[in-house]
Amino acid sequence: MTVTNIHVIDQDSAYDFYVNKLGFRVVDDIPMGPGTRWLTVSPPDQPDLQLVLFPVTVSKMFPQKIVDTLTDLIKQGVFGCGVLTCHDVFATYEELKAKGVEFIKAPAKEFYGTEALFKDDSGNYFSLQPISNFDDENGI
């Protein structure tokens, strides 16, 4: 997979969160007409993966009723979880927490490895895990 969506409530706020807090880089920021743009970001060590920060706004695709429903579901964190990896979960947790990232679970050792959980500015949640959780020698 090279491109996937993350539905966000406010694209400008999402830009700030993913770029200034998580350290992702902007790949595309292209105006697409009045009040819309194609905005993709990539994790710094994964330039081949682009996340579309896809706004949930009234459009041909999303009538108001759907926008209201999606916004509520996003805020509740219903849409699954992505996994972001780093070298040191404890240090990255402290760094991101200092930048204002809301964690819903501090780093803890689990049967599958070490993990912390956080939310983006819309309510989507993510697991933060060390790269070592995915080493073949760990059987994962």
C-alpha atoms as a PDB file:
ATOM      1  CA  MET A   1       0.000   0.000   0.000  1.00  0.00           C
ATOM      2  CA  THR A   2       1.320   3.431  -0.822  1.00  0.00           C
ATOM      3  CA  VAL A   3      -1.600   5.780  -0.077  1.00  0.00           C
ATOM      4  CA  THR A   4      -4.394   5.505   2.482  1.00  0.00           C
ATOM      5  CA  ASN A   5      -6.874   7.894   4.107  1.00  0.00           C
ATOM      6  CA  ILE A   6      -7.179   9.094   7.646  1.00  0.00           C
ATOM      7  CA  HIS A   7     -10.487  10.889   8.081  1.00  0.00           C
ATOM      8  CA  VAL A   8      -9.983  14.122   9.992  1.00  0.00           C
ATOM      9  CA  ILE A   9     -12.377  16.702  11.351  1.00  0.00           C
ATOM     10  CA  ASP A  10     -10.259  19.775  10.600  1.00  0.00           C
ATOM     11  CA  GLN A  11      -7.580  19.528   7.920  1.00  0.00           C
ATOM     12  CA  ASP A  12      -5.566  22.542   9.151  1.00  0.00           C
ATOM     13  CA  SER A  13      -5.490  21.178  12.688  1.00  0.00           C
ATOM     14  CA  ALA A  14      -4.568  17.718  11.367  1.00  0.00           C
ATOM     15  CA  TYR A  15      -1.715  19.285   9.379  1.00  0.00           C
ATOM     16  CA  ASP A  16      -0.381  20.842  12.571  1.00  0.00           C
ATOM     17  CA  PHE A  17      -0.726  17.576  14.490  1.00  0.00           C
ATOM     18  CA  TYR A  18       0.899  15.253  11.948  1.00  0.00           C
ATOM     19  CA  VAL A  19       3.633  17.654  10.814  1.00  0.00           C
ATOM     20  CA  ASN A  20       4.507  19.643  13.939  1.00  0.00           C
ATOM     21  CA  LYS A  21       3.795  17.067  16.650  1.00  0.00           C
ATOM     22  CA  LEU A  22       4.479  13.710  14.994  1.00  0.00           C
ATOM     23  CA  GLY A  23       7.217  15.022  12.681  1.00  0.00           C
ATOM     24  CA  PHE A  24       5.694  13.734   9.440  1.00  0.00           C
ATOM     25  CA  ARG A  25       6.691  15.496   6.232  1.00  0.00           C
ATOM     26  CA  VAL A  26       4.255  17.007   3.755  1.00  0.00           C
ATOM     27  CA  VAL A  27       4.253  15.179   0.420  1.00  0.00           C
ATOM     28  CA  ASP A  28       1.400  16.997  -1.336  1.00  0.00           C
ATOM     29  CA  ASP A  29      -0.597  20.075  -0.410  1.00  0.00           C
ATOM     30  CA  ILE A  30      -2.560  20.855  -3.550  1.00  0.00           C
ATOM     31  CA  PRO A  31      -5.612  23.145  -3.783  1.00  0.00           C
ATOM     32  CA  MET A  32      -8.575  21.229  -5.227  1.00  0.00           C
ATOM     33  CA  GLY A  33     -11.123  24.026  -5.470  1.00  0.00           C
ATOM     34  CA  PRO A  34     -12.826  26.345  -3.004  1.00  0.00           C
ATOM     35  CA  GLY A  35     -12.043  25.249   0.540  1.00  0.00           C
ATOM     36  CA  THR A  36     -10.595  21.861  -0.410  1.00  0.00           C
ATOM     37  CA  ARG A  37      -7.128  20.456  -0.886  1.00  0.00           C
ATOM     38  CA  TRP A  38      -5.291  17.178  -1.408  1.00  0.00           C
ATOM     39  CA  LEU A  39      -3.038  16.919   1.644  1.00  0.00           C
ATOM     40  CA  THR A  40      -0.746  13.934   2.116  1.00  0.00           C
ATOM     41  CA  VAL A  41       1.944  13.356   4.729  1.00  0.00           C
ATOM     42  CA  SER A  42       4.527  10.621   5.289  1.00  0.00           C
ATOM     43  CA  PRO A  43       6.271   9.282   8.367  1.00  0.00           C
ATOM     44  CA  PRO A  44       9.903  10.463   8.187  1.00  0.00           C
ATOM     45  CA  ASP A  45      11.329   6.953   7.738  1.00  0.00           C
ATOM     46  CA  GLN A  46       8.634   5.739   5.309  1.00  0.00           C
ATOM     47  CA  PRO A  47       8.626   8.043   2.285  1.00  0.00           C
ATOM     48  CA  ASP A  48       6.732   5.473   0.202  1.00  0.00           C
ATOM     49  CA  LEU A  49       3.704   5.605   2.528  1.00  0.00           C
ATOM     50  CA  GLN A  50       1.396   8.583   2.128  1.00  0.00           C
ATOM     51  CA  LEU A  51      -1.464   9.330   4.499  1.00  0.00           C
ATOM     52  CA  VAL A  52      -4.219  11.484   3.024  1.00  0.00           C
ATOM     53  CA  LEU A  53      -5.523  13.806   5.736  1.00  0.00           C
ATOM     54  CA  PHE A  54      -9.043  13.535   4.339  1.00  0.00           C
ATOM     55  CA  PRO A  55     -11.468  16.102   5.764  1.00  0.00           C
ATOM     56  CA  VAL A  56     -14.986  15.065   6.644  1.00  0.00           C
ATOM     57  CA  THR A  57     -16.833  18.049   5.205  1.00  0.00           C
ATOM     58  CA  VAL A  58     -20.088  18.536   3.327  1.00  0.00           C
ATOM     59  CA  SER A  59     -19.504  17.670  -0.328  1.00  0.00           C
ATOM     60  CA  LYS A  60     -20.877  15.503  -3.126  1.00  0.00           C
ATOM     61  CA  MET A  61     -19.300  12.564  -1.303  1.00  0.00           C
ATOM     62  CA  PHE A  62     -20.521  13.478   2.184  1.00  0.00           C
ATOM     63  CA  PRO A  63     -23.974  15.045   2.704  1.00  0.00           C
ATOM     64  CA  GLN A  64     -24.526  16.774   6.071  1.00  0.00           C
ATOM     65  CA  LYS A  65     -26.100  13.694   7.696  1.00  0.00           C
ATOM     66  CA  ILE A  66     -23.025  11.588   6.827  1.00  0.00           C
ATOM     67  CA  VAL A  67     -20.655  14.359   7.999  1.00  0.00           C
ATOM     68  CA  ASP A  68     -22.453  14.483  11.352  1.00  0.00           C
ATOM     69  CA  THR A  69     -22.306  10.689  11.744  1.00  0.00           C
ATOM     70  CA  LEU A  70     -18.660  10.378  10.659  1.00  0.00           C
ATOM     71  CA  THR A  71     -17.584  13.291  12.866  1.00  0.00           C
ATOM     72  CA  ASP A  72     -19.201  11.668  15.895  1.00  0.00           C
ATOM     73  CA  LEU A  73     -17.625   8.282  15.133  1.00  0.00           C
ATOM     74  CA  ILE A  74     -14.163   9.798  14.557  1.00  0.00           C
ATOM     75  CA  LYS A  75     -14.341  11.702  17.862  1.00  0.00           C
ATOM     76  CA  GLN A  76     -15.205   8.413  19.594  1.00  0.00           C
ATOM     77  CA  GLY A  77     -12.157   6.683  18.075  1.00  0.00           C
ATOM     78  CA  VAL A  78     -14.273   4.053  16.321  1.00  0.00           C
ATOM     79  CA  PHE A  79     -12.164   3.727  13.166  1.00  0.00           C
ATOM     80  CA  GLY A  80      -9.542   1.251  14.259  1.00  0.00           C
ATOM     81  CA  CYS A  81      -5.987   1.910  15.007  1.00  0.00           C
ATOM     82  CA  GLY A  82      -2.795   2.350  13.069  1.00  0.00           C
ATOM     83  CA  VAL A  83       0.563   1.265  14.420  1.00  0.00           C
ATOM     84  CA  LEU A  84       3.491   3.664  14.398  1.00  0.00           C
ATOM     85  CA  THR A  85       6.924   2.332  15.269  1.00  0.00           C
ATOM     86  CA  CYS A  86       9.955   3.962  16.807  1.00  0.00           C
ATOM     87  CA  HIS A  87      13.264   2.886  18.317  1.00  0.00           C
ATOM     88  CA  ASP A  88      12.467   3.820  21.937  1.00  0.00           C
ATOM     89  CA  VAL A  89       8.793   3.916  22.963  1.00  0.00           C
ATOM     90  CA  PHE A  90       9.534   5.448  26.361  1.00  0.00           C
ATOM     91  CA  ALA A  91      11.601   8.340  24.946  1.00  0.00           C
ATOM     92  CA  THR A  92       9.166   8.915  22.069  1.00  0.00           C
ATOM     93  CA  TYR A  93       6.251   8.885  24.522  1.00  0.00           C
ATOM     94  CA  GLU A  94       7.924  11.625  26.598  1.00  0.00           C
ATOM     95  CA  GLU A  95       8.775  13.657  23.483  1.00  0.00           C
ATOM     96  CA  LEU A  96       5.264  13.479  22.044  1.00  0.00           C
ATOM     97  CA  LYS A  97       3.607  14.084  25.401  1.00  0.00           C
ATOM     98  CA  ALA A  98       5.706  17.255  25.782  1.00  0.00           C
ATOM     99  CA  LYS A  99       4.391  18.387  22.371  1.00  0.00           C
ATOM    100  CA  GLY A 100       0.801  17.996  23.578  1.00  0.00           C
ATOM    101  CA  VAL A 101      -0.075  14.589  22.127  1.00  0.00           C
ATOM    102  CA  GLU A 102      -2.905  13.019  24.155  1.00  0.00           C
ATOM    103  CA  PHE A 103      -1.988   9.520  25.299  1.00  0.00           C
ATOM    104  CA  ILE A 104      -4.730   7.158  26.405  1.00  0.00           C
ATOM    105  CA  LYS A 105      -2.227   4.551  27.583  1.00  0.00           C
ATOM    106  CA  ALA A 106       1.331   5.111  28.785  1.00  0.00           C
ATOM    107  CA  PRO A 107       3.979   2.668  27.536  1.00  0.00           C
ATOM    108  CA  ALA A 108       3.510  -0.767  29.056  1.00  0.00           C
ATOM    109  CA  LYS A 109       4.855  -4.221  28.377  1.00  0.00           C
ATOM    110  CA  GLU A 110       2.187  -6.498  26.959  1.00  0.00           C
ATOM    111  CA  PHE A 111       2.336 -10.143  25.854  1.00  0.00           C
ATOM    112  CA  TYR A 112       2.974  -8.950  22.271  1.00  0.00           C
ATOM    113  CA  GLY A 113       5.563  -6.313  23.172  1.00  0.00           C
ATOM    114  CA  THR A 114       5.713  -2.771  24.510  1.00  0.00           C
ATOM    115  CA  GLU A 115       2.952  -0.364  23.499  1.00  0.00           C
ATOM    116  CA  ALA A 116       1.543   3.105  24.173  1.00  0.00           C
ATOM    117  CA  LEU A 117      -1.739   4.418  22.749  1.00  0.00           C
ATOM    118  CA  PHE A 118      -2.491   7.966  21.654  1.00  0.00           C
ATOM    119  CA  LYS A 119      -5.133   9.966  19.796  1.00  0.00           C
ATOM    120  CA  ASP A 120      -4.695  12.433  16.984  1.00  0.00           C
ATOM    121  CA  ASP A 121      -6.430  15.802  17.133  1.00  0.00           C
ATOM    122  CA  SER A 122      -9.619  14.369  15.569  1.00  0.00           C
ATOM    123  CA  GLY A 123      -9.931  11.341  17.862  1.00  0.00           C
ATOM    124  CA  ASN A 124      -8.357   8.622  15.691  1.00  0.00           C
ATOM    125  CA  TYR A 125      -6.164   6.429  17.841  1.00  0.00           C
ATOM    126  CA  PHE A 126      -2.790   4.843  17.213  1.00  0.00           C
ATOM    127  CA  SER A 127      -0.524   2.311  18.839  1.00  0.00           C
ATOM    128  CA  LEU A 128       3.087   3.370  19.349  1.00  0.00           C
ATOM    129  CA  GLN A 129       5.408   0.363  19.442  1.00  0.00           C
ATOM    130  CA  PRO A 130       9.139  -0.231  19.190  1.00  0.00           C
ATOM    131  CA  ILE A 131      10.458  -1.602  15.922  1.00  0.00           C
ATOM    132  CA  SER A 132      11.740  -4.570  17.941  1.00  0.00           C
ATOM    133  CA  ASN A 133       8.117  -5.724  18.494  1.00  0.00           C
ATOM    134  CA  PHE A 134       8.143  -6.688  14.830  1.00  0.00           C
ATOM    135  CA  ASP A 135      11.486  -8.509  14.718  1.00  0.00           C
ATOM    136  CA  ASP A 136      11.272 -12.076  13.425  1.00  0.00           C
ATOM    137  CA  GLU A 137      13.053 -13.368  16.522  1.00  0.00           C
ATOM    138  CA  ASN A 138      10.092 -12.197  18.637  1.00  0.00           C
ATOM    139  CA  GLY A 139       7.752 -14.398  16.623  1.00  0.00           C
ATOM    140  CA  ILE A 140       5.484 -11.496  15.702  1.00  0.00           C
END
